[in-house]
Amino acid sequence: MAANLVKKRELGRTLGKHWLLDRQRAVTDNQKLIKDYYRKVIALYDVLPKDTYKMDEKGFMMGHAAKVKVICKVGRKNPRLTNSGNRTWVTVIEAISAVGIVILPMIINQGTVHYKGWYAGVKTQDVATFAYSLKGWTDSKLGIDWLINNFDHYTSTTDGER
């Protein structure tokens, strides 16, 4: 397909070596192969649903919503929504098991120190781990912190349990 696109556009170029999807990447996009692989791993190691987790990391740009309403004068054409240009990020790392056990999330704010205002709406019954990074994103140190302090801490088995 990529070769046909190059030919149709008559760009005077040949197909580059990185334009084709290599076999390993193509296989990772095949849902049937992925499901078969995990079924084999689960059977081989006898992994129980309580030991199967889905982990996700999601970033949010603060102050930006998906749906907005713009209030303007009647008859005005093309009203525009503006923003302050502030690009403050917050990232959340979370996980849940196949049987519904929720691991405490880690909330990562953008900054160089903890700021009291970040936690103004947090109530005592709200449970999470809070952290910060320069850009508000996960880095390898925060990922390891989450694995040790949240995931390992809440998924470790007690003596006699599997």
C-alpha atoms as a PDB file:
ATOM      1  CA  MET A   1       0.000   0.000   0.000  1.00  0.00           C
ATOM      2  CA  ALA A   2       2.763   2.465   0.889  1.00  0.00           C
ATOM      3  CA  ALA A   3       4.490   1.737  -2.433  1.00  0.00           C
ATOM      4  CA  ASN A   4       1.247   2.534  -4.295  1.00  0.00           C
ATOM      5  CA  LEU A   5       0.868   5.830  -2.421  1.00  0.00           C
ATOM      6  CA  VAL A   6       4.398   6.882  -3.362  1.00  0.00           C
ATOM      7  CA  LYS A   7       3.792   5.882  -6.989  1.00  0.00           C
ATOM      8  CA  LYS A   8       0.433   7.737  -7.191  1.00  0.00           C
ATOM      9  CA  ARG A   9       1.854  10.947  -5.782  1.00  0.00           C
ATOM     10  CA  GLU A  10       4.845  10.816  -8.152  1.00  0.00           C
ATOM     11  CA  LEU A  11       7.154  12.254  -5.549  1.00  0.00           C
ATOM     12  CA  GLY A  12      10.261  11.025  -7.318  1.00  0.00           C
ATOM     13  CA  ARG A  13      11.180   8.982  -4.268  1.00  0.00           C
ATOM     14  CA  THR A  14      11.366   5.315  -3.559  1.00  0.00           C
ATOM     15  CA  LEU A  15       9.760   3.564  -0.655  1.00  0.00           C
ATOM     16  CA  GLY A  16      11.805   4.024   2.510  1.00  0.00           C
ATOM     17  CA  LYS A  17      12.758   1.059   4.684  1.00  0.00           C
ATOM     18  CA  HIS A  18      10.820   2.446   7.689  1.00  0.00           C
ATOM     19  CA  TRP A  19       7.599   2.856   5.699  1.00  0.00           C
ATOM     20  CA  LEU A  20       6.665  -0.791   5.975  1.00  0.00           C
ATOM     21  CA  LEU A  21       5.287  -2.291   9.123  1.00  0.00           C
ATOM     22  CA  ASP A  22       7.739  -4.939  10.234  1.00  0.00           C
ATOM     23  CA  ARG A  23       6.443  -8.379  11.166  1.00  0.00           C
ATOM     24  CA  GLN A  24       6.798  -7.932  14.928  1.00  0.00           C
ATOM     25  CA  ARG A  25       4.770  -4.698  14.920  1.00  0.00           C
ATOM     26  CA  ALA A  26       2.131  -6.181  12.636  1.00  0.00           C
ATOM     27  CA  VAL A  27       1.742  -9.184  14.934  1.00  0.00           C
ATOM     28  CA  THR A  28       1.223  -6.944  17.971  1.00  0.00           C
ATOM     29  CA  ASP A  29      -1.780  -5.408  16.229  1.00  0.00           C
ATOM     30  CA  ASN A  30      -3.457  -8.793  15.667  1.00  0.00           C
ATOM     31  CA  GLN A  31      -6.049  -9.154  18.448  1.00  0.00           C
ATOM     32  CA  LYS A  32      -6.547 -12.894  17.922  1.00  0.00           C
ATOM     33  CA  LEU A  33      -2.815 -13.590  18.302  1.00  0.00           C
ATOM     34  CA  ILE A  34      -2.656 -11.417  21.418  1.00  0.00           C
ATOM     35  CA  LYS A  35      -5.625 -13.174  23.042  1.00  0.00           C
ATOM     36  CA  ASP A  36      -4.204 -16.608  22.177  1.00  0.00           C
ATOM     37  CA  TYR A  37      -0.825 -15.642  23.629  1.00  0.00           C
ATOM     38  CA  TYR A  38      -2.315 -14.471  26.934  1.00  0.00           C
ATOM     39  CA  ARG A  39      -4.541 -17.547  27.199  1.00  0.00           C
ATOM     40  CA  LYS A  40      -1.406 -19.710  26.910  1.00  0.00           C
ATOM     41  CA  VAL A  41       0.486 -17.653  29.510  1.00  0.00           C
ATOM     42  CA  ILE A  42      -2.466 -17.770  31.926  1.00  0.00           C
ATOM     43  CA  ALA A  43      -2.768 -21.556  31.498  1.00  0.00           C
ATOM     44  CA  LEU A  44       0.994 -22.168  31.715  1.00  0.00           C
ATOM     45  CA  TYR A  45       1.454 -20.206  34.945  1.00  0.00           C
ATOM     46  CA  ASP A  46      -2.036 -20.855  36.369  1.00  0.00           C
ATOM     47  CA  VAL A  47      -2.759 -17.127  36.768  1.00  0.00           C
ATOM     48  CA  LEU A  48      -5.959 -16.475  38.698  1.00  0.00           C
ATOM     49  CA  PRO A  49      -8.355 -13.618  37.804  1.00  0.00           C
ATOM     50  CA  LYS A  50      -7.561 -11.969  41.155  1.00  0.00           C
ATOM     51  CA  ASP A  51      -3.936 -11.776  39.988  1.00  0.00           C
ATOM     52  CA  THR A  52      -4.759 -10.257  36.597  1.00  0.00           C
ATOM     53  CA  TYR A  53      -4.665  -6.463  36.472  1.00  0.00           C
ATOM     54  CA  LYS A  54      -5.305  -3.711  33.960  1.00  0.00           C
ATOM     55  CA  MET A  55      -3.114  -0.685  34.571  1.00  0.00           C
ATOM     56  CA  ASP A  56      -3.608   2.671  32.882  1.00  0.00           C
ATOM     57  CA  GLU A  57      -1.974   6.064  32.885  1.00  0.00           C
ATOM     58  CA  LYS A  58      -4.011   9.089  31.812  1.00  0.00           C
ATOM     59  CA  GLY A  59      -2.945  12.709  31.484  1.00  0.00           C
ATOM     60  CA  PHE A  60      -5.293  15.672  31.852  1.00  0.00           C
ATOM     61  CA  MET A  61      -4.772  19.275  30.801  1.00  0.00           C
ATOM     62  CA  MET A  62      -6.268  21.263  33.651  1.00  0.00           C
ATOM     63  CA  GLY A  63      -8.890  23.865  32.825  1.00  0.00           C
ATOM     64  CA  HIS A  64      -9.836  22.344  29.470  1.00  0.00           C
ATOM     65  CA  ALA A  65     -13.130  20.523  29.106  1.00  0.00           C
ATOM     66  CA  ALA A  66     -14.400  18.412  26.239  1.00  0.00           C
ATOM     67  CA  LYS A  67     -17.761  20.206  26.073  1.00  0.00           C
ATOM     68  CA  VAL A  68     -18.193  23.931  26.517  1.00  0.00           C
ATOM     69  CA  LYS A  69     -20.855  26.563  25.966  1.00  0.00           C
ATOM     70  CA  VAL A  70     -19.989  29.990  24.653  1.00  0.00           C
ATOM     71  CA  ILE A  71     -22.223  32.848  25.753  1.00  0.00           C
ATOM     72  CA  CYS A  72     -22.284  35.808  23.356  1.00  0.00           C
ATOM     73  CA  LYS A  73     -24.552  38.472  21.868  1.00  0.00           C
ATOM     74  CA  VAL A  74     -27.423  37.346  19.646  1.00  0.00           C
ATOM     75  CA  GLY A  75     -26.460  37.328  15.986  1.00  0.00           C
ATOM     76  CA  ARG A  76     -22.727  37.196  16.574  1.00  0.00           C
ATOM     77  CA  LYS A  77     -21.067  34.939  14.044  1.00  0.00           C
ATOM     78  CA  ASN A  78     -18.309  32.496  14.920  1.00  0.00           C
ATOM     79  CA  PRO A  79     -17.989  33.040  18.681  1.00  0.00           C
ATOM     80  CA  ARG A  80     -14.621  31.857  19.908  1.00  0.00           C
ATOM     81  CA  LEU A  81     -13.617  30.162  23.106  1.00  0.00           C
ATOM     82  CA  THR A  82     -10.313  31.406  24.445  1.00  0.00           C
ATOM     83  CA  ASN A  83      -8.080  30.130  27.198  1.00  0.00           C
ATOM     84  CA  SER A  84      -5.339  31.576  29.334  1.00  0.00           C
ATOM     85  CA  GLY A  85      -2.622  29.545  27.623  1.00  0.00           C
ATOM     86  CA  ASN A  86      -1.932  27.722  30.885  1.00  0.00           C
ATOM     87  CA  ARG A  87      -0.944  24.142  30.131  1.00  0.00           C
ATOM     88  CA  THR A  88      -0.882  22.563  33.583  1.00  0.00           C
ATOM     89  CA  TRP A  89      -0.875  18.765  33.446  1.00  0.00           C
ATOM     90  CA  VAL A  90      -2.039  16.174  35.932  1.00  0.00           C
ATOM     91  CA  THR A  91      -1.443  12.456  35.363  1.00  0.00           C
ATOM     92  CA  VAL A  92      -3.248   9.604  37.088  1.00  0.00           C
ATOM     93  CA  ILE A  93      -1.926   6.027  37.317  1.00  0.00           C
ATOM     94  CA  GLU A  94      -4.583   3.475  38.212  1.00  0.00           C
ATOM     95  CA  ALA A  95      -5.171  -0.274  38.146  1.00  0.00           C
ATOM     96  CA  ILE A  96      -8.007  -2.735  38.674  1.00  0.00           C
ATOM     97  CA  SER A  97      -8.028  -6.538  38.846  1.00  0.00           C
ATOM     98  CA  ALA A  98     -10.211  -8.878  36.802  1.00  0.00           C
ATOM     99  CA  VAL A  99     -12.315  -9.451  39.943  1.00  0.00           C
ATOM    100  CA  GLY A 100     -12.771  -5.722  40.649  1.00  0.00           C
ATOM    101  CA  ILE A 101     -10.047  -5.036  43.235  1.00  0.00           C
ATOM    102  CA  VAL A 102      -8.992  -1.403  42.795  1.00  0.00           C
ATOM    103  CA  ILE A 103      -5.409  -0.335  43.500  1.00  0.00           C
ATOM    104  CA  LEU A 104      -5.047   3.141  44.979  1.00  0.00           C
ATOM    105  CA  PRO A 105      -4.282   5.636  42.224  1.00  0.00           C
ATOM    106  CA  MET A 106      -1.244   7.891  42.060  1.00  0.00           C
ATOM    107  CA  ILE A 107      -2.033  11.485  41.130  1.00  0.00           C
ATOM    108  CA  ILE A 108       0.938  13.365  39.679  1.00  0.00           C
ATOM    109  CA  ASN A 109       0.721  17.167  39.628  1.00  0.00           C
ATOM    110  CA  GLN A 110       2.948  19.480  37.621  1.00  0.00           C
ATOM    111  CA  GLY A 111       5.383  21.334  39.873  1.00  0.00           C
ATOM    112  CA  THR A 112       8.626  21.250  41.811  1.00  0.00           C
ATOM    113  CA  VAL A 113       7.082  20.869  45.295  1.00  0.00           C
ATOM    114  CA  HIS A 114       3.686  19.919  46.727  1.00  0.00           C
ATOM    115  CA  TYR A 115       1.305  22.900  46.657  1.00  0.00           C
ATOM    116  CA  LYS A 116      -1.382  23.029  49.334  1.00  0.00           C
ATOM    117  CA  GLY A 117      -3.986  24.323  46.848  1.00  0.00           C
ATOM    118  CA  TRP A 118      -3.823  21.066  44.866  1.00  0.00           C
ATOM    119  CA  TYR A 119      -5.446  19.226  47.745  1.00  0.00           C
ATOM    120  CA  ALA A 120      -8.131  21.752  48.762  1.00  0.00           C
ATOM    121  CA  GLY A 121     -10.960  19.473  47.592  1.00  0.00           C
ATOM    122  CA  VAL A 122      -9.481  16.247  48.982  1.00  0.00           C
ATOM    123  CA  LYS A 123     -11.478  14.759  51.850  1.00  0.00           C
ATOM    124  CA  THR A 124     -10.135  12.439  54.530  1.00  0.00           C
ATOM    125  CA  GLN A 125     -11.985   9.451  53.022  1.00  0.00           C
ATOM    126  CA  ASP A 126     -10.330  10.075  49.613  1.00  0.00           C
ATOM    127  CA  VAL A 127      -7.420   7.692  49.355  1.00  0.00           C
ATOM    128  CA  ALA A 128      -4.625   8.109  46.822  1.00  0.00           C
ATOM    129  CA  THR A 129      -0.894   8.637  46.543  1.00  0.00           C
ATOM    130  CA  PHE A 130       0.126  12.145  45.530  1.00  0.00           C
ATOM    131  CA  ALA A 131       3.314  13.083  43.721  1.00  0.00           C
ATOM    132  CA  TYR A 132       4.697  15.802  41.482  1.00  0.00           C
ATOM    133  CA  SER A 133       7.007  16.083  38.521  1.00  0.00           C
ATOM    134  CA  LEU A 134       8.343  19.014  36.544  1.00  0.00           C
ATOM    135  CA  LYS A 135       5.949  18.416  33.633  1.00  0.00           C
ATOM    136  CA  GLY A 136       3.153  16.591  35.469  1.00  0.00           C
ATOM    137  CA  TRP A 137       3.965  13.376  33.643  1.00  0.00           C
ATOM    138  CA  THR A 138       5.025   9.954  34.813  1.00  0.00           C
ATOM    139  CA  ASP A 139       8.728   9.250  34.793  1.00  0.00           C
ATOM    140  CA  SER A 140      10.648   6.083  35.633  1.00  0.00           C
ATOM    141  CA  LYS A 141      11.114   7.084  39.303  1.00  0.00           C
ATOM    142  CA  LEU A 142       7.389   7.781  39.812  1.00  0.00           C
ATOM    143  CA  GLY A 143       6.481   4.574  37.958  1.00  0.00           C
ATOM    144  CA  ILE A 144       8.687   2.542  40.306  1.00  0.00           C
ATOM    145  CA  ASP A 145       7.263   4.433  43.305  1.00  0.00           C
ATOM    146  CA  TRP A 146       3.738   3.486  42.184  1.00  0.00           C
ATOM    147  CA  LEU A 147       4.760  -0.159  41.665  1.00  0.00           C
ATOM    148  CA  ILE A 148       6.347  -0.440  45.115  1.00  0.00           C
ATOM    149  CA  ASN A 149       4.092   1.777  47.256  1.00  0.00           C
ATOM    150  CA  ASN A 150       0.758   1.105  45.585  1.00  0.00           C
ATOM    151  CA  PHE A 151       0.742  -2.027  43.445  1.00  0.00           C
ATOM    152  CA  ASP A 152       3.113  -4.273  45.431  1.00  0.00           C
ATOM    153  CA  HIS A 153       1.812  -3.006  48.755  1.00  0.00           C
ATOM    154  CA  TYR A 154      -1.835  -3.811  47.945  1.00  0.00           C
ATOM    155  CA  THR A 155      -1.293  -6.992  45.923  1.00  0.00           C
ATOM    156  CA  SER A 156       1.275  -8.800  48.060  1.00  0.00           C
ATOM    157  CA  THR A 157       0.032 -12.135  49.309  1.00  0.00           C
ATOM    158  CA  THR A 158       0.052 -13.120  52.946  1.00  0.00           C
ATOM    159  CA  ASP A 159       1.576 -16.378  54.176  1.00  0.00           C
ATOM    160  CA  GLY A 160      -0.365 -19.377  52.995  1.00  0.00           C
ATOM    161  CA  GLU A 161      -2.071 -17.504  50.161  1.00  0.00           C
ATOM    162  CA  ARG A 162      -1.206 -17.994  46.561  1.00  0.00           C
END
